Protein backbone atom coordinates (compact mmCIF):
# COMPACT_ATOMS: atom_id res chain seq x y z
CA MET A 1 -7.05 2.15 5.59
CA ARG A 2 -3.72 1.96 7.29
CA ALA A 3 -2.03 5.30 8.17
CA LEU A 4 1.49 5.60 6.86
CA ASP A 5 4.36 7.61 8.15
CA GLY A 6 7.99 8.33 7.31
CA SER A 7 9.33 5.30 9.07
CA SER A 8 6.74 2.90 7.44
CA TRP A 9 6.79 4.24 3.93
CA ASP A 10 9.61 2.06 2.48
CA GLU A 11 8.46 -1.19 4.07
CA ASP A 12 4.70 -0.68 3.55
CA VAL A 13 4.77 0.85 0.10
CA LEU A 14 8.08 0.49 -1.70
CA ARG A 15 8.95 -3.06 -0.59
CA ALA A 16 5.37 -4.29 -0.43
CA GLN A 17 4.65 -7.73 -1.99
CA GLY A 18 1.67 -6.53 -3.95
CA PRO A 19 0.08 -3.33 -5.20
CA VAL A 20 -0.52 -0.52 -2.65
CA LEU A 21 -2.99 2.29 -3.20
CA VAL A 22 -1.99 5.51 -1.27
CA ASP A 23 -4.34 8.21 -0.51
CA PHE A 24 -2.42 11.45 -0.07
CA TRP A 25 -4.68 13.66 2.02
CA ALA A 26 -4.96 16.23 4.91
CA PRO A 27 -7.54 16.47 7.69
CA TRP A 28 -8.69 19.92 6.66
CA CYS A 29 -9.34 18.89 3.00
CA ARG A 30 -13.11 18.58 2.27
CA PRO A 31 -12.52 16.77 -1.07
CA CYS A 32 -10.21 14.29 0.75
CA ARG A 33 -13.01 13.50 3.15
CA ALA A 34 -15.37 12.93 0.31
CA VAL A 35 -12.91 10.40 -1.41
CA ARG A 36 -12.24 8.46 1.79
CA PRO A 37 -15.56 6.46 1.84
CA VAL A 38 -15.20 5.55 -1.73
CA LEU A 39 -11.72 4.20 -1.13
CA GLU A 40 -12.83 2.43 2.05
CA ALA A 41 -15.61 0.70 0.10
CA LEU A 42 -13.19 -0.39 -2.58
CA GLU A 43 -10.82 -1.71 0.08
CA ARG A 44 -13.62 -3.84 1.60
CA GLU A 45 -14.57 -5.20 -1.68
CA THR A 46 -11.01 -5.86 -2.99
CA GLY A 47 -9.96 -8.14 -0.14
CA ASP A 48 -6.26 -8.56 -0.04
CA ARG A 49 -5.47 -8.00 -3.76
CA VAL A 50 -4.54 -4.35 -3.10
CA SER A 51 -3.29 -2.72 0.20
CA PHE A 52 -5.00 0.59 0.93
CA CYS A 53 -3.08 3.26 2.87
CA ALA A 54 -3.25 6.98 3.65
CA LEU A 55 -0.48 9.52 4.11
CA ASP A 56 -1.16 12.83 5.71
CA VAL A 57 0.72 15.34 3.56
CA ASP A 58 0.90 17.94 6.40
CA GLU A 59 2.72 15.46 8.58
CA HIS A 60 4.94 14.07 5.78
CA PRO A 61 5.44 16.79 3.11
CA GLU A 62 8.74 15.26 2.02
CA ILE A 63 7.12 12.13 0.84
CA ALA A 64 4.39 14.05 -0.95
CA ALA A 65 7.07 16.16 -2.68
CA ARG A 66 9.02 13.09 -3.78
CA TYR A 67 5.95 11.98 -5.81
CA ASP A 68 5.05 15.53 -7.08
CA VAL A 69 1.76 15.61 -5.05
CA LEU A 70 0.97 19.26 -5.52
CA SER A 71 -2.81 19.06 -4.77
CA ILE A 72 -4.94 16.80 -2.70
CA PRO A 73 -6.52 14.43 -2.77
CA THR A 74 -4.11 12.60 -4.92
CA VAL A 75 -4.34 8.77 -4.98
CA ILE A 76 -1.38 6.82 -6.41
CA LEU A 77 -1.19 3.14 -6.97
CA PHE A 78 2.37 1.68 -6.33
CA GLU A 79 3.54 -1.66 -7.50
CA GLY A 80 7.06 -3.00 -7.34
CA GLY A 81 8.14 0.13 -5.55
CA GLU A 82 7.07 2.37 -8.35
CA ALA A 83 4.20 4.77 -8.89
CA ARG A 84 2.00 3.15 -11.65
CA ARG A 85 -1.08 5.26 -11.87
CA ALA A 86 -2.41 8.41 -10.21
CA ILE A 87 -5.73 10.15 -9.84
CA HIS A 88 -5.75 13.87 -8.82
CA GLY A 89 -8.74 15.41 -7.21
CA ALA A 90 -12.04 14.11 -5.84
CA ARG A 91 -13.60 11.80 -8.45
CA PRO A 92 -16.60 9.48 -8.48
CA ARG A 93 -16.29 5.80 -7.64
CA GLY A 94 -16.42 4.78 -11.23
CA HIS A 95 -13.33 6.80 -12.04
CA PHE A 96 -11.31 4.90 -9.43
CA GLU A 97 -12.64 1.62 -10.61
CA GLU A 98 -11.63 2.39 -14.18
CA ALA A 99 -8.23 3.73 -13.39
CA PHE A 100 -7.26 0.96 -10.89
CA GLY A 101 -9.53 -1.75 -12.20
CA GLU A 102 -6.72 -4.08 -13.40
CA TRP A 103 -5.33 -4.20 -9.89
CA LEU A 104 -8.62 -4.21 -8.06
CA SER A 105 -9.90 -7.14 -10.03
CA GLY A 106 -6.73 -9.07 -9.54
CA SER A 107 -5.85 -9.24 -13.31
CA ASP A 108 -2.21 -8.72 -14.30
CA PRO A 109 -1.84 -5.12 -15.52
CA SER A 110 1.40 -5.97 -17.37
CA ARG A 111 -0.70 -7.98 -19.80
CA THR A 112 -2.82 -4.98 -20.69
CA GLY A 113 0.15 -2.78 -21.60
CA SER A 114 -0.16 -0.20 -18.78
CA PRO A 115 3.40 0.22 -17.39
CA GLY A 116 4.46 3.51 -15.87
CA LEU A 117 2.68 6.28 -14.20
CA ARG A 118 -0.31 7.65 -16.03
CA PRO A 119 -2.63 10.32 -14.67
CA GLY A 120 -6.13 9.26 -14.09
């Protein structure tokens, strides 16, 4: 997972060519550390269909605040510069697969009627 910062956010997330899954986390957060291996496994299995990134909320609170990240871990999938779907809290792998499956599988989520941010 690529680490993001304030200077790379716009280019790597908002202007990305494809979907980007962002893990909002902090080093001291145990649930965040539990979610990381799940996301890394999904990243390995997804290939280049989705970019996986991580943002340390302690280092970049202004970005977290912009997307109403009030608790961590929060994982948000961005597409076309917009937040499309979010999962709050540590969840099992199946929850991530279900919430982000349309993107992870490479199908077109616009065909399944899932526009806009929906909590996961």
